[in-house]
Amino acid sequence: MSSLIHLLLIDEDSYPTTLADDDDESKYQQLLEITQNEAIHWQSIEINLRGFEPALQLWDAIAGNSRLLLIASFNFYPHKLLRPDADISGSFGFFPADMVKDLYAIMEEEYNFDISNLEGQQIIAEIEKDGDDEVNPEAYELVRDKYFVTFRDAAEQGKSIVVLIEQ
């Protein structure tokens, strides 16, 4: 079954630095409401999560191997308003504007990396060895392209990126 991964642009200052509620789910719902009201929908990716995660891991491995793309796409919050292990009903990914600029600079250098060459095949083999799913080259290109355009545009505008996943 396909999921929709939404990539949105937002000013990090749209979010408060603290939230009054003690409950993780209430804080999460507040973040969603702020995002819905303030963010600009930029890109969507329709893909099965079993294809999305390995494709994102491959793009991350090529563009710096920091694991930031994977971690921040699923489980990162503006101003650390929620703990990484927060008990919430969905996922919320966030890339602050400074991180966007840094990651985009690497993405720009590595965009044309050929995954069919020996180094690319070694990276793919490593990802597939560690995970349950195979890397699909078409899924990789889709994820790479959507993330690249979103990070490029966000970097040019000084915006942060929110990643919301509809399953």
Protein backbone atom coordinates (compact mmCIF):
# COMPACT_ATOMS: atom_id res chain seq x y z
CA MET A 1 0.00 0.00 0.00
CA SER A 2 1.32 3.41 -0.93
CA SER A 3 1.96 6.20 1.48
CA LEU A 4 2.14 9.91 0.80
CA ILE A 5 5.26 11.68 1.99
CA HIS A 6 4.67 15.42 2.08
CA LEU A 7 7.58 17.85 2.02
CA LEU A 8 6.64 21.32 3.26
CA LEU A 9 8.54 24.58 3.66
CA ILE A 10 8.15 26.67 6.80
CA ASP A 11 9.87 29.35 8.85
CA GLU A 12 11.15 27.68 12.01
CA ASP A 13 10.04 30.79 13.92
CA SER A 14 6.43 29.77 13.17
CA TYR A 15 6.82 27.24 15.98
CA PRO A 16 6.95 28.26 19.63
CA THR A 17 10.05 27.38 21.63
CA THR A 18 7.93 25.69 24.31
CA LEU A 19 4.52 24.04 24.46
CA ALA A 20 2.41 24.10 27.62
CA ASP A 21 0.90 20.61 27.41
CA ASP A 22 2.69 17.76 29.17
CA ASP A 23 1.14 15.14 26.91
CA ASP A 24 3.23 14.16 23.86
CA GLU A 25 0.18 13.61 21.64
CA SER A 26 -1.21 17.08 22.46
CA LYS A 27 2.14 18.66 21.57
CA TYR A 28 2.22 16.65 18.34
CA GLN A 29 -1.27 17.82 17.42
CA GLN A 30 -0.22 21.43 18.08
CA LEU A 31 2.78 20.98 15.78
CA LEU A 32 0.50 19.57 13.07
CA GLU A 33 -1.93 22.47 13.44
CA ILE A 34 0.86 25.07 13.19
CA THR A 35 2.30 23.26 10.18
CA GLN A 36 -1.09 23.09 8.48
CA ASN A 37 -1.66 26.82 9.02
CA GLU A 38 1.85 28.14 8.32
CA ALA A 39 3.70 25.77 5.98
CA ILE A 40 3.73 25.75 2.19
CA HIS A 41 3.17 22.34 0.63
CA TRP A 42 6.12 21.87 -1.73
CA GLN A 43 6.35 18.26 -2.91
CA SER A 44 4.65 14.93 -2.34
CA ILE A 45 5.95 11.45 -2.97
CA GLU A 46 3.54 8.56 -3.41
CA ILE A 47 5.47 5.43 -2.56
CA ASN A 48 5.34 2.33 -0.40
CA LEU A 49 7.32 2.87 2.81
CA ARG A 50 9.17 -0.37 2.08
CA GLY A 51 10.54 1.37 -1.00
CA PHE A 52 10.90 4.81 0.55
CA GLU A 53 13.16 3.90 3.47
CA PRO A 54 15.88 2.08 1.48
CA ALA A 55 15.76 4.78 -1.22
CA LEU A 56 16.19 7.48 1.43
CA GLN A 57 18.99 5.47 3.08
CA LEU A 58 20.79 5.28 -0.28
CA TRP A 59 20.42 9.03 -0.91
CA ASP A 60 21.66 9.67 2.63
CA ALA A 61 24.66 7.37 2.14
CA ILE A 62 25.58 9.13 -1.10
CA ALA A 63 24.95 12.64 0.25
CA GLY A 64 27.19 12.53 3.29
CA ASN A 65 26.39 9.28 5.08
CA SER A 66 25.23 11.17 8.16
CA ARG A 67 21.95 9.23 8.68
CA LEU A 68 20.41 12.68 9.16
CA LEU A 69 18.04 12.31 6.20
CA LEU A 70 16.55 9.12 7.59
CA ILE A 71 16.38 10.22 11.23
CA ALA A 72 15.14 13.76 10.62
CA SER A 73 12.55 12.62 8.05
CA PHE A 74 10.74 10.50 10.62
CA ASN A 75 11.57 11.72 14.07
CA PHE A 76 12.83 15.26 14.60
CA TYR A 77 11.00 18.29 15.94
CA PRO A 78 11.44 22.08 15.77
CA HIS A 79 13.09 23.53 18.88
CA LYS A 80 13.19 19.97 20.28
CA LEU A 81 9.58 20.43 21.39
CA LEU A 82 9.18 16.66 21.67
CA ARG A 83 11.59 13.96 22.80
CA PRO A 84 12.90 11.59 20.10
CA ASP A 85 10.99 8.74 21.76
CA ALA A 86 7.73 10.70 22.08
CA ASP A 87 4.58 8.59 22.13
CA ILE A 88 2.63 10.09 19.22
CA SER A 89 0.10 8.84 16.68
CA GLY A 90 2.15 9.67 13.57
CA SER A 91 5.55 10.80 12.42
CA PHE A 92 6.94 14.30 12.19
CA GLY A 93 10.13 15.04 10.35
CA PHE A 94 11.91 18.37 10.53
CA PHE A 95 15.04 19.89 9.04
CA PRO A 96 16.02 23.29 10.48
CA ALA A 97 17.11 25.91 7.92
CA ASP A 98 20.81 25.63 8.84
CA MET A 99 20.72 21.86 8.40
CA VAL A 100 18.89 22.33 5.08
CA LYS A 101 21.69 24.56 3.75
CA ASP A 102 24.42 22.14 4.85
CA LEU A 103 22.68 19.07 3.44
CA TYR A 104 21.78 20.83 0.19
CA ALA A 105 25.43 21.73 -0.43
CA ILE A 106 26.31 18.02 -0.24
CA MET A 107 23.27 16.97 -2.27
CA GLU A 108 24.27 19.38 -5.01
CA GLU A 109 27.75 17.83 -5.22
CA GLU A 110 26.45 14.25 -5.27
CA TYR A 111 23.24 14.59 -7.30
CA ASN A 112 24.67 12.90 -10.41
CA PHE A 113 26.30 10.02 -8.50
CA ASP A 114 25.95 6.86 -10.58
CA ILE A 115 24.48 4.10 -8.40
CA SER A 116 25.26 1.52 -11.08
CA ASN A 117 29.03 1.92 -10.65
CA LEU A 118 31.05 -0.28 -8.28
CA GLU A 119 30.90 2.17 -5.36
CA GLY A 120 27.14 2.59 -5.82
CA GLN A 121 26.60 -1.16 -5.90
CA GLN A 122 28.67 -1.57 -2.72
CA ILE A 123 26.54 1.06 -0.94
CA ILE A 124 23.35 -0.67 -2.11
CA ALA A 125 24.64 -4.07 -0.95
CA GLU A 126 25.42 -2.63 2.49
CA ILE A 127 21.93 -1.10 2.83
CA GLU A 128 20.25 -4.33 1.71
CA LYS A 129 22.40 -6.39 4.07
CA ASP A 130 21.37 -4.26 7.05
CA GLY A 131 17.67 -4.01 6.15
CA ASP A 132 14.76 -6.15 5.10
CA ASP A 133 14.03 -4.40 1.80
CA GLU A 134 15.82 -4.06 -1.51
CA VAL A 135 16.77 -0.72 -3.00
CA ASN A 136 14.63 0.03 -6.04
CA PRO A 137 16.52 2.32 -8.48
CA GLU A 138 13.32 4.05 -9.64
CA ALA A 139 12.28 4.70 -6.02
CA TYR A 140 15.76 6.06 -5.32
CA GLU A 141 15.55 8.48 -8.26
CA LEU A 142 12.08 9.64 -7.21
CA VAL A 143 13.12 10.24 -3.59
CA ARG A 144 16.44 11.84 -4.60
CA ASP A 145 14.74 14.20 -7.05
CA LYS A 146 11.94 15.29 -4.70
CA TYR A 147 14.29 15.79 -1.75
CA PHE A 148 16.84 17.60 -3.92
CA VAL A 149 14.31 20.11 -5.30
CA THR A 150 12.79 20.67 -1.85
CA PHE A 151 16.18 21.19 -0.19
CA ARG A 152 17.34 23.45 -3.03
CA ASP A 153 14.26 25.64 -2.83
CA ALA A 154 14.25 25.72 0.98
CA ALA A 155 17.96 26.65 1.06
CA GLU A 156 17.38 29.48 -1.44
CA GLN A 157 14.50 30.82 0.67
CA GLY A 158 16.08 30.27 4.10
CA LYS A 159 13.23 27.93 5.08
CA SER A 160 13.04 24.79 7.18
CA ILE A 161 11.48 21.56 5.89
CA VAL A 162 8.74 19.49 7.49
CA VAL A 163 8.19 15.86 6.43
CA LEU A 164 4.72 14.43 7.09
CA ILE A 165 3.82 10.86 6.19
CA GLU A 166 0.28 9.73 5.45
CA GLN A 167 -0.05 5.98 5.63
